[in-house]
């Protein structure tokens, strides 16, 4: 994930803004510019939890 972040187009803007001592103007979005390794997790289906049953006594 860290290695992929080097190629993000906003990384150069961040470096330039730092050296020019200004606020960065980031334009990348996660939907359009996510690294190839994103998402790195697998979704887990937890389903619905069963309702607690009432005592029979």
PDB file of N, CA and C in Angstrom:
ATOM      1  N   UNK A   1       0.829  -1.185   0.000  1.00  0.00           N
ATOM      2  CA  UNK A   1       0.000   0.000   0.000  1.00  0.00           C
ATOM      3  C   UNK A   1       0.877   1.253   0.000  1.00  0.00           C
ATOM      4  N   UNK A   2       1.925   1.254   0.786  1.00  0.00           N
ATOM      5  CA  UNK A   2       2.800   2.427   0.835  1.00  0.00           C
ATOM      6  C   UNK A   2       3.543   2.587  -0.488  1.00  0.00           C
ATOM      7  N   UNK A   3       3.997   1.480  -1.071  1.00  0.00           N
ATOM      8  CA  UNK A   3       4.700   1.561  -2.351  1.00  0.00           C
ATOM      9  C   UNK A   3       3.785   2.078  -3.445  1.00  0.00           C
ATOM     10  N   UNK A   4       2.515   1.717  -3.408  1.00  0.00           N
ATOM     11  CA  UNK A   4       1.562   2.193  -4.407  1.00  0.00           C
ATOM     12  C   UNK A   4       1.262   3.673  -4.253  1.00  0.00           C
ATOM     13  N   UNK A   5       1.380   4.200  -3.046  1.00  0.00           N
ATOM     14  CA  UNK A   5       1.032   5.601  -2.823  1.00  0.00           C
ATOM     15  C   UNK A   5       2.029   6.559  -3.464  1.00  0.00           C
ATOM     16  N   UNK A   6       3.207   6.076  -3.819  1.00  0.00           N
ATOM     17  CA  UNK A   6       4.201   6.934  -4.458  1.00  0.00           C
ATOM     18  C   UNK A   6       3.732   7.353  -5.843  1.00  0.00           C
ATOM     19  N   UNK A   7       2.973   6.501  -6.508  1.00  0.00           N
ATOM     20  CA  UNK A   7       2.551   6.795  -7.868  1.00  0.00           C
ATOM     21  C   UNK A   7       1.259   7.601  -7.938  1.00  0.00           C
ATOM     22  N   UNK A   8       0.644   7.897  -6.828  1.00  0.00           N
ATOM     23  CA  UNK A   8      -0.590   8.668  -6.827  1.00  0.00           C
ATOM     24  C   UNK A   8      -0.281  10.087  -7.296  1.00  0.00           C
ATOM     25  N   UNK A   9      -1.171  10.636  -8.133  1.00  0.00           N
ATOM     26  CA  UNK A   9      -0.889  11.954  -8.710  1.00  0.00           C
ATOM     27  C   UNK A   9      -0.811  13.059  -7.668  1.00  0.00           C
ATOM     28  N   UNK A  10      -1.452  12.887  -6.538  1.00  0.00           N
ATOM     29  CA  UNK A  10      -1.396  13.917  -5.500  1.00  0.00           C
ATOM     30  C   UNK A  10      -0.082  13.911  -4.730  1.00  0.00           C
ATOM     31  N   UNK A  11       0.708  12.862  -4.869  1.00  0.00           N
ATOM     32  CA  UNK A  11       1.961  12.825  -4.112  1.00  0.00           C
ATOM     33  C   UNK A  11       2.912  13.927  -4.574  1.00  0.00           C
ATOM     34  N   UNK A  12       2.977  14.181  -5.868  1.00  0.00           N
ATOM     35  CA  UNK A  12       3.836  15.259  -6.367  1.00  0.00           C
ATOM     36  C   UNK A  12       3.319  16.623  -5.928  1.00  0.00           C
ATOM     37  N   UNK A  13       2.005  16.791  -5.888  1.00  0.00           N
ATOM     38  CA  UNK A  13       1.429  18.058  -5.420  1.00  0.00           C
ATOM     39  C   UNK A  13       1.790  18.290  -3.960  1.00  0.00           C
ATOM     40  N   UNK A  14       1.777  17.243  -3.161  1.00  0.00           N
ATOM     41  CA  UNK A  14       2.146  17.374  -1.753  1.00  0.00           C
ATOM     42  C   UNK A  14       3.588  17.804  -1.571  1.00  0.00           C
ATOM     43  N   UNK A  15       4.479  17.222  -2.360  1.00  0.00           N
ATOM     44  CA  UNK A  15       5.902  17.572  -2.277  1.00  0.00           C
ATOM     45  C   UNK A  15       6.116  19.015  -2.726  1.00  0.00           C
ATOM     46  N   UNK A  16       5.497  19.388  -3.860  1.00  0.00           N
ATOM     47  CA  UNK A  16       5.651  20.760  -4.364  1.00  0.00           C
ATOM     48  C   UNK A  16       5.114  21.779  -3.359  1.00  0.00           C
ATOM     49  N   UNK A  17       3.956  21.494  -2.786  1.00  0.00           N
ATOM     50  CA  UNK A  17       3.364  22.418  -1.820  1.00  0.00           C
ATOM     51  C   UNK A  17       4.248  22.562  -0.584  1.00  0.00           C
ATOM     52  N   UNK A  18       4.861  21.469  -0.167  1.00  0.00           N
ATOM     53  CA  UNK A  18       5.743  21.520   0.995  1.00  0.00           C
ATOM     54  C   UNK A  18       6.930  22.447   0.738  1.00  0.00           C
ATOM     55  N   UNK A  19       7.584  22.272  -0.394  1.00  0.00           N
ATOM     56  CA  UNK A  19       8.757  23.091  -0.693  1.00  0.00           C
ATOM     57  C   UNK A  19       8.393  24.539  -0.999  1.00  0.00           C
ATOM     58  N   UNK A  20       7.184  24.764  -1.513  1.00  0.00           N
ATOM     59  CA  UNK A  20       6.739  26.131  -1.787  1.00  0.00           C
ATOM     60  C   UNK A  20       6.062  26.760  -0.566  1.00  0.00           C
ATOM     61  N   UNK A  21       5.986  26.008   0.519  1.00  0.00           N
ATOM     62  CA  UNK A  21       5.397  26.459   1.785  1.00  0.00           C
ATOM     63  C   UNK A  21       3.979  26.992   1.591  1.00  0.00           C
ATOM     64  N   UNK A  22       3.160  26.172   0.948  1.00  0.00           N
ATOM     65  CA  UNK A  22       1.763  26.522   0.717  1.00  0.00           C
ATOM     66  C   UNK A  22       0.898  25.297   1.007  1.00  0.00           C
ATOM     67  N   UNK A  23      -0.385  25.518   1.107  1.00  0.00           N
ATOM     68  CA  UNK A  23      -1.313  24.408   1.318  1.00  0.00           C
ATOM     69  C   UNK A  23      -1.423  23.602   0.023  1.00  0.00           C
ATOM     70  N   UNK A  24      -1.429  22.278   0.108  1.00  0.00           N
ATOM     71  CA  UNK A  24      -1.566  21.467  -1.107  1.00  0.00           C
ATOM     72  C   UNK A  24      -2.982  21.542  -1.669  1.00  0.00           C
ATOM     73  N   UNK A  25      -3.082  21.388  -2.968  1.00  0.00           N
ATOM     74  CA  UNK A  25      -4.367  21.375  -3.651  1.00  0.00           C
ATOM     75  C   UNK A  25      -4.579  19.966  -4.216  1.00  0.00           C
ATOM     76  N   UNK A  26      -4.995  19.048  -3.351  1.00  0.00           N
ATOM     77  CA  UNK A  26      -5.183  17.659  -3.750  1.00  0.00           C
ATOM     78  C   UNK A  26      -6.466  17.510  -4.554  1.00  0.00           C
ATOM     79  N   UNK A  27      -6.409  16.780  -5.666  1.00  0.00           N
ATOM     80  CA  UNK A  27      -7.576  16.592  -6.520  1.00  0.00           C
ATOM     81  C   UNK A  27      -7.940  15.128  -6.717  1.00  0.00           C
ATOM     82  N   UNK A  28      -7.114  14.218  -6.276  1.00  0.00           N
ATOM     83  CA  UNK A  28      -7.391  12.793  -6.464  1.00  0.00           C
ATOM     84  C   UNK A  28      -8.555  12.358  -5.575  1.00  0.00           C
ATOM     85  N   UNK A  29      -9.284  11.354  -6.038  1.00  0.00           N
ATOM     86  CA  UNK A  29     -10.370  10.772  -5.256  1.00  0.00           C
ATOM     87  C   UNK A  29     -10.117   9.285  -5.106  1.00  0.00           C
ATOM     88  N   UNK A  30     -10.637   8.709  -4.065  1.00  0.00           N
ATOM     89  CA  UNK A  30     -10.449   7.286  -3.828  1.00  0.00           C
ATOM     90  C   UNK A  30     -11.118   6.460  -4.921  1.00  0.00           C
ATOM     91  N   UNK A  31     -12.271   6.914  -5.401  1.00  0.00           N
ATOM     92  CA  UNK A  31     -12.993   6.169  -6.425  1.00  0.00           C
ATOM     93  C   UNK A  31     -12.210   6.096  -7.736  1.00  0.00           C
ATOM     94  N   UNK A  32     -11.544   7.182  -8.121  1.00  0.00           N
ATOM     95  CA  UNK A  32     -10.859   7.238  -9.415  1.00  0.00           C
ATOM     96  C   UNK A  32      -9.365   6.960  -9.342  1.00  0.00           C
ATOM     97  N   UNK A  33      -8.731   7.210  -8.221  1.00  0.00           N
ATOM     98  CA  UNK A  33      -7.276   7.159  -8.144  1.00  0.00           C
ATOM     99  C   UNK A  33      -6.743   6.211  -7.076  1.00  0.00           C
ATOM    100  N   UNK A  34      -7.529   5.251  -6.668  1.00  0.00           N
ATOM    101  CA  UNK A  34      -7.075   4.311  -5.637  1.00  0.00           C
ATOM    102  C   UNK A  34      -5.936   3.450  -6.180  1.00  0.00           C
ATOM    103  N   UNK A  35      -4.978   3.091  -5.345  1.00  0.00           N
ATOM    104  CA  UNK A  35      -3.891   2.218  -5.793  1.00  0.00           C
ATOM    105  C   UNK A  35      -4.428   0.827  -6.127  1.00  0.00           C
ATOM    106  N   UNK A  36      -3.718   0.070  -6.958  1.00  0.00           N
ATOM    107  CA  UNK A  36      -4.195  -1.260  -7.363  1.00  0.00           C
ATOM    108  C   UNK A  36      -4.393  -2.227  -6.196  1.00  0.00           C
ATOM    109  N   UNK A  37      -3.693  -2.018  -5.111  1.00  0.00           N
ATOM    110  CA  UNK A  37      -3.810  -2.942  -3.975  1.00  0.00           C
ATOM    111  C   UNK A  37      -4.984  -2.606  -3.065  1.00  0.00           C
ATOM    112  N   UNK A  38      -5.802  -1.614  -3.406  1.00  0.00           N
ATOM    113  CA  UNK A  38      -6.944  -1.227  -2.579  1.00  0.00           C
ATOM    114  C   UNK A  38      -8.188  -1.884  -3.119  1.00  0.00           C
ATOM    115  N   UNK A  39      -9.042  -2.458  -2.344  1.00  0.00           N
ATOM    116  CA  UNK A  39      -8.915  -2.720  -0.915  1.00  0.00           C
ATOM    117  C   UNK A  39      -8.070  -3.967  -0.676  1.00  0.00           C
ATOM    118  N   UNK A  40      -7.341  -3.986   0.393  1.00  0.00           N
ATOM    119  CA  UNK A  40      -6.459  -5.106   0.707  1.00  0.00           C
ATOM    120  C   UNK A  40      -7.116  -6.101   1.644  1.00  0.00           C
ATOM    121  N   UNK A  41      -8.324  -5.850   2.081  1.00  0.00           N
ATOM    122  CA  UNK A  41      -9.030  -6.742   2.987  1.00  0.00           C
ATOM    123  C   UNK A  41     -10.153  -7.451   2.237  1.00  0.00           C
ATOM    124  N   UNK A  42     -10.666  -8.501   2.839  1.00  0.00           N
ATOM    125  CA  UNK A  42     -11.827  -9.191   2.283  1.00  0.00           C
ATOM    126  C   UNK A  42     -13.019  -8.901   3.175  1.00  0.00           C
ATOM    127  N   UNK A  43     -14.164  -8.708   2.554  1.00  0.00           N
ATOM    128  CA  UNK A  43     -15.375  -8.421   3.316  1.00  0.00           C
ATOM    129  C   UNK A  43     -15.841  -9.666   4.059  1.00  0.00           C
ATOM    130  N   UNK A  44     -16.370  -9.463   5.241  1.00  0.00           N
ATOM    131  CA  UNK A  44     -16.881 -10.549   6.070  1.00  0.00           C
ATOM    132  C   UNK A  44     -18.369 -10.334   6.258  1.00  0.00           C
ATOM    133  N   UNK A  45     -19.152 -11.380   6.002  1.00  0.00           N
ATOM    134  CA  UNK A  45     -20.594 -11.296   6.187  1.00  0.00           C
ATOM    135  C   UNK A  45     -20.917 -11.799   7.587  1.00  0.00           C
ATOM    136  N   UNK A  46     -21.309 -10.893   8.453  1.00  0.00           N
ATOM    137  CA  UNK A  46     -21.647 -11.259   9.817  1.00  0.00           C
ATOM    138  C   UNK A  46     -23.093 -11.710   9.938  1.00  0.00           C
ATOM    139  N   UNK A  47     -23.897 -11.404   8.957  1.00  0.00           N
ATOM    140  CA  UNK A  47     -25.301 -11.781   9.007  1.00  0.00           C
ATOM    141  C   UNK A  47     -26.021 -11.068  10.137  1.00  0.00           C
ATOM    142  N   UNK A  48     -27.196 -11.527  10.446  1.00  0.00           N
ATOM    143  CA  UNK A  48     -27.965 -10.932  11.540  1.00  0.00           C
ATOM    144  C   UNK A  48     -27.767 -11.757  12.796  1.00  0.00           C
ATOM    145  N   UNK A  49     -27.691 -11.085  13.906  1.00  0.00           N
ATOM    146  CA  UNK A  49     -27.572 -11.784  15.180  1.00  0.00           C
ATOM    147  C   UNK A  49     -28.950 -12.299  15.582  1.00  0.00           C
ATOM    148  N   UNK A  50     -29.025 -13.512  16.123  1.00  0.00           N
ATOM    149  CA  UNK A  50     -30.330 -14.020  16.560  1.00  0.00           C
ATOM    150  C   UNK A  50     -30.840 -13.235  17.765  1.00  0.00           C
ATOM    151  N   UNK A  51     -32.146 -13.104  17.835  1.00  0.00           N
ATOM    152  CA  UNK A  51     -32.746 -12.407  18.970  1.00  0.00           C
ATOM    153  C   UNK A  51     -32.634 -13.281  20.208  1.00  0.00           C
ATOM    154  N   UNK A  52     -32.478 -12.645  21.339  1.00  0.00           N
ATOM    155  CA  UNK A  52     -32.398 -13.386  22.600  1.00  0.00           C
ATOM    156  C   UNK A  52     -33.761 -13.995  22.896  1.00  0.00           C
ATOM    157  N   UNK A  53     -33.755 -15.254  23.293  1.00  0.00           N
ATOM    158  CA  UNK A  53     -35.029 -15.908  23.611  1.00  0.00           C
ATOM    159  C   UNK A  53     -35.402 -15.639  25.066  1.00  0.00           C
ATOM    160  N   UNK A  54     -36.686 -15.646  25.319  1.00  0.00           N
ATOM    161  CA  UNK A  54     -37.178 -15.419  26.676  1.00  0.00           C
ATOM    162  C   UNK A  54     -37.062 -16.716  27.466  1.00  0.00           C
ATOM    163  N   UNK A  55     -36.831 -16.614  28.771  1.00  0.00           N
ATOM    164  CA  UNK A  55     -36.779 -17.835  29.588  1.00  0.00           C
ATOM    165  C   UNK A  55     -38.142 -18.531  29.586  1.00  0.00           C
ATOM    166  N   UNK A  56     -38.130 -19.851  29.628  1.00  0.00           N
ATOM    167  CA  UNK A  56     -39.369 -20.622  29.555  1.00  0.00           C
ATOM    168  C   UNK A  56     -40.040 -20.788  30.904  1.00  0.00           C
ATOM    169  N   UNK A  57     -39.406 -20.389  31.954  1.00  0.00           N
ATOM    170  CA  UNK A  57     -40.021 -20.527  33.276  1.00  0.00           C
ATOM    171  C   UNK A  57     -40.755 -19.311  33.686  1.00  0.00           C
TER     172      UNK A  57
END
